[in-house]
Each structure stands twice: as structure tokens, then as C-alpha cells.
Protein backbone atom coordinates (compact mmCIF):
# COMPACT_ATOMS: atom_id res chain seq x y z
CA MET A 1 -9.37 -34.63 108.15
CA SER A 2 -10.46 -31.14 107.13
CA ALA A 3 -10.51 -30.06 103.52
CA SER A 4 -8.10 -27.35 102.38
CA PRO A 5 -9.45 -23.86 101.71
CA PRO A 6 -9.77 -22.79 98.08
CA ALA A 7 -6.64 -21.16 96.71
CA GLY A 8 -6.46 -17.47 97.58
CA GLU A 9 -9.64 -17.57 99.68
CA ARG A 10 -9.54 -15.92 103.09
CA LEU A 11 -11.62 -17.90 105.55
CA PRO A 12 -13.38 -16.56 108.67
CA PRO A 13 -12.23 -17.52 112.18
CA ALA A 14 -13.54 -20.84 113.46
CA GLY A 15 -16.80 -20.53 115.37
CA SER A 16 -17.35 -16.90 114.33
CA LEU A 17 -20.54 -15.34 113.02
CA SER A 18 -18.83 -15.19 109.63
CA ALA A 19 -18.37 -18.96 109.76
CA TRP A 20 -22.11 -19.36 110.39
CA TRP A 21 -22.80 -16.96 107.52
CA LEU A 22 -20.67 -19.19 105.31
CA ALA A 23 -22.64 -22.28 106.39
CA ALA A 24 -25.91 -20.44 105.74
CA ARG A 25 -24.97 -20.11 102.03
CA PRO A 26 -26.74 -16.75 101.68
CA ARG A 27 -26.56 -16.76 97.87
CA THR A 28 -29.07 -19.63 97.82
CA LEU A 29 -31.63 -17.93 100.06
CA PRO A 30 -33.28 -15.65 97.43
CA ALA A 31 -34.65 -18.77 95.73
CA ALA A 32 -37.03 -19.13 98.69
CA LEU A 33 -38.60 -15.81 97.67
CA ALA A 34 -39.87 -17.08 94.30
CA PRO A 35 -42.69 -19.39 95.46
CA ILE A 36 -43.88 -16.92 98.08
CA ALA A 37 -44.05 -14.08 95.54
CA ALA A 38 -45.86 -16.22 92.98
CA GLY A 39 -48.40 -17.61 95.46
CA THR A 40 -49.06 -14.17 96.91
CA GLY A 41 -49.52 -12.81 93.39
CA VAL A 42 -52.25 -15.34 92.70
CA ALA A 43 -53.97 -14.45 95.98
CA ALA A 44 -53.70 -10.74 95.17
CA ALA A 45 -55.19 -11.28 91.71
CA GLU A 46 -58.21 -12.82 93.45
CA GLY A 47 -58.41 -9.97 95.95
CA ARG A 48 -57.46 -12.30 98.80
CA ALA A 49 -53.86 -11.34 99.58
CA ARG A 50 -52.98 -11.02 103.27
CA PRO A 51 -49.60 -9.28 103.63
CA GLY A 52 -49.02 -10.44 107.19
CA LEU A 53 -49.45 -14.09 106.24
CA ALA A 54 -47.33 -13.58 103.13
CA LEU A 55 -44.47 -12.29 105.31
CA ALA A 56 -44.92 -15.26 107.67
CA CYS A 57 -44.72 -17.59 104.65
CA LEU A 58 -41.50 -15.89 103.55
CA LEU A 59 -39.92 -16.10 106.98
CA THR A 60 -40.83 -19.77 107.29
CA ALA A 61 -39.50 -20.52 103.81
CA LEU A 62 -36.21 -18.76 104.54
CA LEU A 63 -35.79 -20.66 107.80
CA LEU A 64 -36.48 -23.98 106.07
CA GLN A 65 -33.95 -23.14 103.35
CA LEU A 66 -31.42 -22.16 106.01
CA ALA A 67 -32.05 -25.44 107.86
CA ALA A 68 -31.50 -27.42 104.66
CA ASN A 69 -28.22 -25.56 104.03
CA LEU A 70 -26.94 -26.26 107.55
CA ALA A 71 -27.95 -29.91 107.19
CA ASN A 72 -26.10 -30.15 103.87
CA ASP A 73 -22.96 -28.66 105.38
CA LEU A 74 -23.12 -31.08 108.32
CA TYR A 75 -24.12 -34.35 106.68
CA ASP A 76 -22.11 -34.03 103.47
CA HIS A 77 -19.08 -33.59 105.72
CA LEU A 78 -19.95 -36.56 107.92
CA ARG A 79 -20.55 -38.76 104.87
CA GLY A 80 -17.21 -37.77 103.34
CA THR A 81 -18.71 -36.05 100.31
CA ASP A 82 -17.02 -32.68 100.93
CA THR A 83 -13.38 -33.37 100.17
CA GLN A 84 -10.40 -31.30 99.03
CA THR A 85 -11.62 -31.73 95.45
CA ARG A 86 -14.90 -29.92 96.14
CA LEU A 87 -15.79 -27.53 93.29
CA GLY A 88 -18.48 -25.46 94.98
CA PRO A 89 -18.26 -22.75 97.65
CA PRO A 90 -16.33 -23.69 100.83
CA ARG A 91 -18.20 -25.60 103.50
CA ALA A 92 -17.83 -24.71 107.17
CA ALA A 93 -17.71 -28.24 108.61
CA ALA A 94 -15.29 -29.58 105.99
CA LEU A 95 -12.88 -26.71 106.68
CA GLY A 96 -13.12 -27.11 110.46
CA LEU A 97 -14.78 -23.73 110.95
CA LEU A 98 -17.81 -25.20 112.74
CA SER A 99 -17.91 -28.46 114.64
CA PRO A 100 -20.53 -31.12 113.86
CA ARG A 101 -21.96 -30.56 117.35
CA ALA A 102 -22.34 -26.83 116.73
CA LEU A 103 -24.01 -27.46 113.38
CA ARG A 104 -26.39 -29.98 114.93
CA LEU A 105 -27.42 -27.42 117.54
CA GLY A 106 -27.78 -24.73 114.88
CA LEU A 107 -29.85 -27.03 112.71
CA ALA A 108 -32.14 -27.96 115.61
CA ALA A 109 -32.60 -24.30 116.56
CA THR A 110 -33.41 -23.33 112.97
CA LEU A 111 -35.95 -26.13 112.58
CA CYS A 112 -37.60 -25.06 115.85
CA ALA A 113 -37.72 -21.46 114.64
CA ALA A 114 -39.29 -22.59 111.36
CA ALA A 115 -41.91 -24.59 113.26
CA ALA A 116 -42.68 -21.61 115.50
CA SER A 117 -42.95 -19.32 112.49
CA GLY A 118 -45.37 -21.75 110.89
CA LEU A 119 -47.80 -21.75 113.83
CA GLY A 120 -49.57 -18.67 112.57
CA LEU A 121 -49.84 -20.23 109.12
CA ILE A 122 -51.39 -23.34 110.62
CA ALA A 123 -53.89 -21.22 112.52
CA ALA A 124 -54.93 -19.60 109.24
CA GLY A 125 -54.76 -22.63 106.95
CA GLY A 126 -55.66 -25.57 109.20
CA TRP A 127 -54.62 -29.18 108.75
CA PRO A 128 -53.49 -28.90 105.07
CA ILE A 129 -50.87 -26.33 106.09
CA ALA A 130 -49.95 -28.32 109.20
CA THR A 131 -49.35 -31.40 107.04
CA ALA A 132 -47.33 -29.49 104.45
CA GLY A 133 -45.31 -27.81 107.18
CA ALA A 134 -44.50 -31.07 108.94
CA LEU A 135 -43.37 -32.63 105.66
CA ALA A 136 -41.24 -29.58 104.87
CA LEU A 137 -39.51 -29.78 108.26
CA VAL A 138 -38.71 -33.45 107.73
CA ALA A 139 -37.54 -32.83 104.16
CA ALA A 140 -35.16 -30.03 105.20
CA TRP A 141 -33.39 -32.52 107.47
CA ALA A 142 -33.82 -35.67 105.40
CA TYR A 143 -32.48 -34.09 102.20
CA THR A 144 -28.95 -35.07 103.28
CA GLY A 145 -29.55 -36.39 106.81
CA GLY A 146 -31.05 -39.49 108.32
CA PRO A 147 -30.64 -43.15 107.37
CA TRP A 148 -31.90 -42.67 103.78
CA PRO A 149 -30.99 -39.14 102.60
CA LEU A 150 -33.03 -38.05 99.60
CA ALA A 151 -30.15 -36.34 97.82
CA TYR A 152 -28.05 -39.51 97.95
CA HIS A 153 -30.76 -41.59 96.24
CA GLY A 154 -31.63 -39.36 93.31
CA LEU A 155 -34.74 -37.86 94.93
CA GLY A 156 -33.40 -34.39 95.65
CA ASP A 157 -34.83 -32.98 92.42
CA ALA A 158 -38.31 -34.29 93.19
CA ALA A 159 -38.14 -32.84 96.71
CA VAL A 160 -37.10 -29.41 95.43
CA PHE A 161 -39.85 -29.38 92.80
CA LEU A 162 -42.44 -30.39 95.38
CA PHE A 163 -41.52 -27.94 98.14
CA PHE A 164 -40.29 -24.95 96.10
CA GLY A 165 -43.02 -25.45 93.54
CA LEU A 166 -46.29 -27.11 94.49
CA VAL A 167 -46.13 -26.70 98.27
CA GLY A 168 -44.44 -23.30 98.19
CA VAL A 169 -46.67 -21.59 95.64
CA ALA A 170 -49.99 -23.36 96.20
CA GLY A 171 -49.49 -23.39 99.98
CA THR A 172 -48.74 -19.67 100.08
CA HIS A 173 -51.89 -19.01 98.08
CA PHE A 174 -54.01 -21.38 100.16
CA VAL A 175 -53.06 -19.91 103.51
CA GLN A 176 -54.06 -16.43 102.31
CA ALA A 177 -57.10 -17.29 100.16
CA GLY A 178 -58.50 -20.10 102.29
CA ALA A 179 -59.13 -22.27 99.24
CA GLY A 180 -57.30 -23.99 96.41
CA SER A 181 -56.82 -22.55 92.93
CA LEU A 182 -56.00 -24.02 89.52
CA LEU A 183 -53.98 -20.90 88.75
CA ALA A 184 -51.87 -21.41 91.88
CA VAL A 185 -51.11 -24.99 90.86
CA LEU A 186 -50.24 -23.98 87.29
CA ALA A 187 -48.04 -21.14 88.55
CA ALA A 188 -46.28 -23.57 90.87
CA VAL A 189 -45.03 -25.74 88.01
CA PRO A 190 -42.61 -23.31 86.28
CA VAL A 191 -41.38 -21.94 89.61
CA GLY A 192 -40.66 -25.49 90.76
CA LEU A 193 -38.90 -26.27 87.49
CA LEU A 194 -36.54 -23.33 87.88
CA ALA A 195 -35.78 -24.16 91.52
CA THR A 196 -35.01 -27.70 90.39
CA ALA A 197 -32.73 -26.30 87.67
CA ILE A 198 -30.60 -24.67 90.38
CA LEU A 199 -30.07 -28.05 91.99
CA ALA A 200 -29.55 -29.77 88.63
CA ILE A 201 -26.77 -27.33 87.67
CA ASN A 202 -25.20 -27.80 91.10
CA ASN A 203 -25.28 -31.58 90.68
CA LEU A 204 -23.94 -31.38 87.12
CA ARG A 205 -21.00 -29.39 88.43
CA ASP A 206 -20.38 -31.90 91.24
CA LEU A 207 -21.10 -35.01 89.17
CA THR A 208 -17.62 -36.53 89.27
CA GLY A 209 -17.06 -35.91 92.97
CA ASP A 210 -20.55 -37.09 93.93
CA ALA A 211 -20.12 -40.30 91.95
CA ALA A 212 -16.81 -40.99 93.67
CA ALA A 213 -18.41 -40.39 97.09
CA GLY A 214 -21.39 -42.64 96.34
CA LYS A 215 -23.85 -39.74 96.23
CA GLN A 216 -26.25 -41.00 93.57
CA THR A 217 -27.84 -37.73 92.51
CA LEU A 218 -30.08 -37.72 89.48
CA SER A 219 -27.23 -36.19 87.47
CA VAL A 220 -24.94 -39.06 88.48
CA ARG A 221 -27.61 -41.56 87.46
CA LEU A 222 -28.21 -39.84 84.12
CA GLY A 223 -24.59 -39.22 83.18
CA ALA A 224 -23.08 -35.91 82.07
CA ARG A 225 -24.64 -35.69 78.60
CA ALA A 226 -28.18 -36.50 79.69
CA ALA A 227 -27.79 -34.32 82.78
CA ARG A 228 -27.06 -31.34 80.53
CA GLY A 229 -30.17 -32.07 78.48
CA TYR A 230 -32.16 -32.34 81.70
CA VAL A 231 -31.04 -28.87 82.85
CA ILE A 232 -31.87 -27.37 79.45
CA ALA A 233 -35.33 -28.97 79.51
CA LEU A 234 -36.06 -27.54 82.97
CA LEU A 235 -35.10 -24.04 81.88
CA ALA A 236 -36.97 -24.21 78.59
CA LEU A 237 -40.17 -25.65 80.08
CA ALA A 238 -40.32 -22.93 82.72
CA PHE A 239 -40.86 -20.39 79.93
CA ALA A 240 -42.76 -22.60 77.50
CA LEU A 241 -45.47 -23.43 80.06
CA LEU A 242 -46.33 -19.81 80.86
CA PRO A 243 -49.22 -19.63 78.33
CA LEU A 244 -50.99 -22.37 80.31
CA LEU A 245 -51.67 -19.79 83.01
CA LEU A 246 -54.04 -18.07 80.60
CA ILE A 247 -56.25 -21.17 80.72
CA ALA A 248 -56.87 -20.51 84.41
CA GLY A 249 -57.84 -16.90 83.73
CA ALA A 250 -54.52 -15.20 84.39
CA PRO A 251 -54.14 -11.80 82.73
CA ALA A 252 -51.57 -11.64 79.94
CA LEU A 253 -49.51 -9.17 81.97
CA GLY A 254 -49.19 -11.62 84.83
CA ALA A 255 -48.77 -14.78 82.79
CA LEU A 256 -46.16 -13.39 80.42
CA ALA A 257 -44.24 -10.98 82.66
CA PRO A 258 -41.45 -13.52 83.35
CA LEU A 259 -40.67 -13.59 79.61
CA ALA A 260 -38.63 -10.44 80.31
CA LEU A 261 -36.05 -12.84 81.78
CA LEU A 262 -35.89 -15.01 78.67
CA PRO A 263 -32.48 -13.59 77.64
CA LEU A 264 -31.01 -14.69 80.99
CA GLY A 265 -32.58 -18.12 80.56
CA ALA A 266 -31.16 -18.37 77.04
CA ARG A 267 -27.67 -17.50 78.29
CA LEU A 268 -27.89 -20.24 80.89
CA VAL A 269 -28.98 -22.73 78.23
CA ARG A 270 -26.01 -21.77 76.03
CA THR A 271 -23.63 -22.09 78.98
CA VAL A 272 -24.85 -25.55 79.94
CA ALA A 273 -25.07 -26.76 76.35
CA GLY A 274 -21.57 -25.43 75.67
CA GLY A 275 -20.00 -28.18 77.75
CA LEU A 276 -18.65 -26.23 80.70
CA SER A 277 -18.02 -28.38 83.76
CA GLY A 278 -16.61 -28.11 87.25
CA HIS A 279 -15.79 -24.58 88.41
CA GLY A 280 -16.99 -23.27 85.06
CA LEU A 281 -20.59 -23.88 86.14
CA ASN A 282 -20.41 -21.76 89.30
CA GLU A 283 -21.43 -18.64 87.39
CA ALA A 284 -24.33 -20.52 85.80
CA LEU A 285 -25.43 -21.69 89.23
CA ALA A 286 -25.52 -18.11 90.51
CA GLY A 287 -27.40 -17.07 87.38
CA ALA A 288 -30.00 -19.79 87.89
CA ALA A 289 -30.65 -18.60 91.45
CA LYS A 290 -31.12 -15.02 90.21
CA LEU A 291 -33.38 -16.24 87.41
CA THR A 292 -35.59 -18.17 89.84
CA ALA A 293 -35.98 -15.27 92.25
CA GLY A 294 -36.63 -12.78 89.45
CA TYR A 295 -39.09 -15.09 87.73
CA GLY A 296 -41.16 -15.54 90.88
CA LEU A 297 -41.16 -11.80 91.59
CA LEU A 298 -42.20 -10.86 88.05
CA LEU A 299 -44.89 -13.53 87.97
CA GLY A 300 -46.28 -12.49 91.34
CA ALA A 301 -46.16 -8.78 90.57
CA GLY A 302 -47.72 -9.27 87.15
CA LEU A 303 -50.60 -11.31 88.55
CA ALA A 304 -51.17 -8.86 91.39
CA LEU A 305 -51.19 -5.83 89.10
CA GLY A 306 -53.19 -7.45 86.32
CA GLY A 307 -55.94 -9.07 88.38
CA LEU A 308 -58.10 -11.87 87.07
CA ARG A 309 -60.35 -11.53 84.08
């Protein structure tokens, strides 16, 4: 049984390009920019940036994010999680706009495109990048798919932190610089925290419905009150940890540039702490995605322009 469309929302024709655009969840895609910008900024600060590889990293990251979104649309529908009580944006499969078969084919094609895009990165970075890429491909599918989906067992947050933070930032730096860097690892932590905050706000919004569907996200396991504290901690730590970049030789301009977004972070903290739930958190979710993208861009640009001491 298909879910009903949100009140007053005009849906695209079934099977149309607009239906695929809906399944792609384009508002989530800018978050994939943050780790690429930060990792490239570290490489640029060292004089090792390679724009062509940076663009290949971005394309691969966008394709992996797109694959994860298609998988979520497909498998949340098949598992009965997307019902008529869904609080988030409409889902294509649940509304009957795309068939499960079509989404499976689209998911397979997107994963193949991501793998093809990553071949140049593997040629530049060798087996560490090949390993990270293989794990990322599996994670994009296994987040909600497979016999033991990560999101349904409270491991979605850890996966997002790992791939949007450590793998995304440090991997982007490694493939351009040809070596590891303490600064890249330290820069990866706050970026990963903010990407995780996007998911945590999403799961806080969906807590009641996920619990009813048996989707044991970390927010469901924590409960509403602790889940709010968890979101606030993620947001606060992303800014509080910035001075640690100075330990690795980052210039003050690069390390502290994201502080320009502190007012946006503070507004998100107030919103979450204020007790909003359900649809009321949709605006906060959009704000968290903008914060993550902006944070990564400012951090990367600041590091690139400031150079290392």
C-alpha cells in the first residue's frame, strides 16, 4: 500500500525524471562537499593540491551519497518504515512514483558509476584508496539494505562519521598529497561531527515512527531527551575542537574560519534544545546541512589561503 502524499504537495508523474530527482534528495547532496573541501584545503596548505583529483573525489562522493539516498528510499519502503505518518520529505517508492525494480536498477547503476569514478583515485592513491572505496560502496548499500542494515541497528551515526569525516577528509588529502597528515585527521573530526549531526536531527525528528517500525536508530536507543543532548554535543564539539588544528600547524585563518558560522550553529542548538519535534525539526535539518557544507568550505578555503606555518 502506497503512502499518501503530504497535504497540499504536488507530486511528479510516476517514473518521470522529477520522480528520480525526488528520490535523489538533492537537498542532502551539498553535505558531500564538506569533506572534499576540507581535505583539499589541507593538501593546498601543504602545496600538494591536485584540482583534477579533487574534482574526481567530489564526483565520487556525490555518487556515493546519491546511491545511499536511493537505497534509503528503496529499503525503507520495503521494510515498511515509510508510512503515511512519515514526517520527512516524500519518498518516491512509498508514494508509488518509482517501482522497487526501477530503484534497484538505479541504485546498481549509481554504484557502478561511483566505482568507475573512483578508478582514477585508486590509480593515484593505491591500495589504501581502493580499500576505502570498496568499504564506501558497501556502506552506501548496507546503510539501509542487506540482511543487517546499519541504520536499523544504531550504527548509522558511526558510519556517517567514518565516511563523511575520517575517510572523506583524510582520504581526499591522501589521494592528492600521497601521504597521511595529522592535520587532515584533526580536520576530519569536526566535519564528521557535523555530518553526523544532520543524521541525528533527522533521527530525532523520526524517533516515534522509527521506534514503531523497529528501526533502532541511535536516537531511538537513547530516547528523546538524551537524543537532543547528543545533537547539541555534536554541534558544540564541531566548533570547540577547532583550536586543536593549531597543534598540527594550521594557520589561525584556516583553523578558525568556520567560527564565522557559529551564529548558525547556536540557532540550531537553541532549536533542538527548545523541544521542537516532528515537522518542526525539518527547518533545523536543512540548517544543519547548510552548516556542514559551509563549514567544510570555510575550513578548506582558510587552510588553502593561509598555508602552513
